[in-house]
Amino acid sequence: MESITTARRTEDIALDLLKFVAAQANVGSKGAGSTGFGVTATTKPEDQVTYLLELYARCRQAVEAPGSSK
């Protein structure tokens, strides 16, 4: 049961990290990113979704990286 709890916690942390990074880079917002990173307003919605999914995968990798636990 502990592994399920740990996995869920890792997913939650990765999701919080995704939200933070996306907000800082204005990813998914209607205006162009002021940081120069992320998705621009002219990007198709399908491309934005793909980018967000890739970013989430990268966030999970970062959270699950060796040395990040305990």
C-alpha atoms as a PDB file:
ATOM      1  CA  MET A   1       0.000   0.000   0.000  1.00  0.00           C
ATOM      2  CA  GLU A   2       2.878   2.345   0.722  1.00  0.00           C
ATOM      3  CA  SER A   3       4.141   2.186  -2.878  1.00  0.00           C
ATOM      4  CA  ILE A   4       0.725   3.332  -4.149  1.00  0.00           C
ATOM      5  CA  THR A   5       0.778   6.257  -1.727  1.00  0.00           C
ATOM      6  CA  THR A   6       4.340   7.140  -2.707  1.00  0.00           C
ATOM      7  CA  ALA A   7       3.529   6.929  -6.422  1.00  0.00           C
ATOM      8  CA  ARG A   8       0.504   9.158  -5.990  1.00  0.00           C
ATOM      9  CA  ARG A   9       2.532  11.632  -3.977  1.00  0.00           C
ATOM     10  CA  THR A  10       5.187  11.728  -6.710  1.00  0.00           C
ATOM     11  CA  GLU A  11       2.492  12.407  -9.303  1.00  0.00           C
ATOM     12  CA  ASP A  12       1.060  15.199  -7.166  1.00  0.00           C
ATOM     13  CA  ILE A  13       4.457  16.815  -6.724  1.00  0.00           C
ATOM     14  CA  ALA A  14       5.136  16.578 -10.458  1.00  0.00           C
ATOM     15  CA  LEU A  15       1.741  18.149 -11.184  1.00  0.00           C
ATOM     16  CA  ASP A  16       2.455  21.013  -8.777  1.00  0.00           C
ATOM     17  CA  LEU A  17       5.824  21.522 -10.454  1.00  0.00           C
ATOM     18  CA  LEU A  18       4.138  21.542 -13.871  1.00  0.00           C
ATOM     19  CA  LYS A  19       1.647  24.170 -12.692  1.00  0.00           C
ATOM     20  CA  PHE A  20       4.449  26.333 -11.337  1.00  0.00           C
ATOM     21  CA  VAL A  21       6.610  26.088 -14.469  1.00  0.00           C
ATOM     22  CA  ALA A  22       3.632  26.617 -16.786  1.00  0.00           C
ATOM     23  CA  ALA A  23       2.537  29.707 -14.830  1.00  0.00           C
ATOM     24  CA  GLN A  24       6.045  31.184 -14.831  1.00  0.00           C
ATOM     25  CA  ALA A  25       6.454  30.604 -18.577  1.00  0.00           C
ATOM     26  CA  ASN A  26       2.856  31.630 -19.392  1.00  0.00           C
ATOM     27  CA  VAL A  27       2.286  28.225 -21.003  1.00  0.00           C
ATOM     28  CA  GLY A  28      -1.332  27.774 -21.963  1.00  0.00           C
ATOM     29  CA  SER A  29      -2.208  31.430 -21.493  1.00  0.00           C
ATOM     30  CA  LYS A  30      -3.703  33.479 -24.288  1.00  0.00           C
ATOM     31  CA  GLY A  31      -0.844  35.993 -24.311  1.00  0.00           C
ATOM     32  CA  ALA A  32       2.670  35.306 -25.520  1.00  0.00           C
ATOM     33  CA  GLY A  33       5.151  34.208 -22.895  1.00  0.00           C
ATOM     34  CA  SER A  34       7.077  37.130 -21.511  1.00  0.00           C
ATOM     35  CA  THR A  35       9.995  34.893 -20.592  1.00  0.00           C
ATOM     36  CA  GLY A  36      10.625  33.722 -24.140  1.00  0.00           C
ATOM     37  CA  PHE A  37       9.903  30.142 -23.125  1.00  0.00           C
ATOM     38  CA  GLY A  38       6.835  28.020 -23.549  1.00  0.00           C
ATOM     39  CA  VAL A  39       4.021  28.079 -26.052  1.00  0.00           C
ATOM     40  CA  THR A  40       3.088  31.183 -28.005  1.00  0.00           C
ATOM     41  CA  ALA A  41      -0.446  32.404 -28.631  1.00  0.00           C
ATOM     42  CA  THR A  42      -0.245  31.287 -32.268  1.00  0.00           C
ATOM     43  CA  THR A  43       0.381  27.649 -31.314  1.00  0.00           C
ATOM     44  CA  LYS A  44      -2.468  25.260 -32.082  1.00  0.00           C
ATOM     45  CA  PRO A  45      -4.330  23.840 -29.059  1.00  0.00           C
ATOM     46  CA  GLU A  46      -3.206  20.315 -29.985  1.00  0.00           C
ATOM     47  CA  ASP A  47       0.416  21.437 -29.889  1.00  0.00           C
ATOM     48  CA  GLN A  48      -0.134  23.136 -26.527  1.00  0.00           C
ATOM     49  CA  VAL A  49      -1.549  19.901 -25.091  1.00  0.00           C
ATOM     50  CA  THR A  50       1.370  17.910 -26.470  1.00  0.00           C
ATOM     51  CA  TYR A  51       3.814  20.410 -24.980  1.00  0.00           C
ATOM     52  CA  LEU A  52       2.114  20.268 -21.576  1.00  0.00           C
ATOM     53  CA  LEU A  53       2.158  16.455 -21.578  1.00  0.00           C
ATOM     54  CA  GLU A  54       5.864  16.458 -22.455  1.00  0.00           C
ATOM     55  CA  LEU A  55       6.508  19.022 -19.738  1.00  0.00           C
ATOM     56  CA  TYR A  56       4.620  16.874 -17.205  1.00  0.00           C
ATOM     57  CA  ALA A  57       6.743  13.858 -18.172  1.00  0.00           C
ATOM     58  CA  ARG A  58       9.873  15.938 -17.609  1.00  0.00           C
ATOM     59  CA  CYS A  59       8.538  17.098 -14.232  1.00  0.00           C
ATOM     60  CA  ARG A  60       7.918  13.476 -13.213  1.00  0.00           C
ATOM     61  CA  GLN A  61      11.441  12.545 -14.251  1.00  0.00           C
ATOM     62  CA  ALA A  62      12.817  15.380 -12.160  1.00  0.00           C
ATOM     63  CA  VAL A  63      10.772  14.367  -9.121  1.00  0.00           C
ATOM     64  CA  GLU A  64      11.595  10.660  -9.500  1.00  0.00           C
ATOM     65  CA  ALA A  65      15.310  11.224 -10.239  1.00  0.00           C
ATOM     66  CA  PRO A  66      17.771   9.155  -8.201  1.00  0.00           C
ATOM     67  CA  GLY A  67      18.855  11.044  -5.140  1.00  0.00           C
ATOM     68  CA  SER A  68      15.618  13.021  -4.901  1.00  0.00           C
ATOM     69  CA  SER A  69      14.117  10.620  -2.360  1.00  0.00           C
ATOM     70  CA  LYS A  70      15.048  10.731   1.322  1.00  0.00           C
END
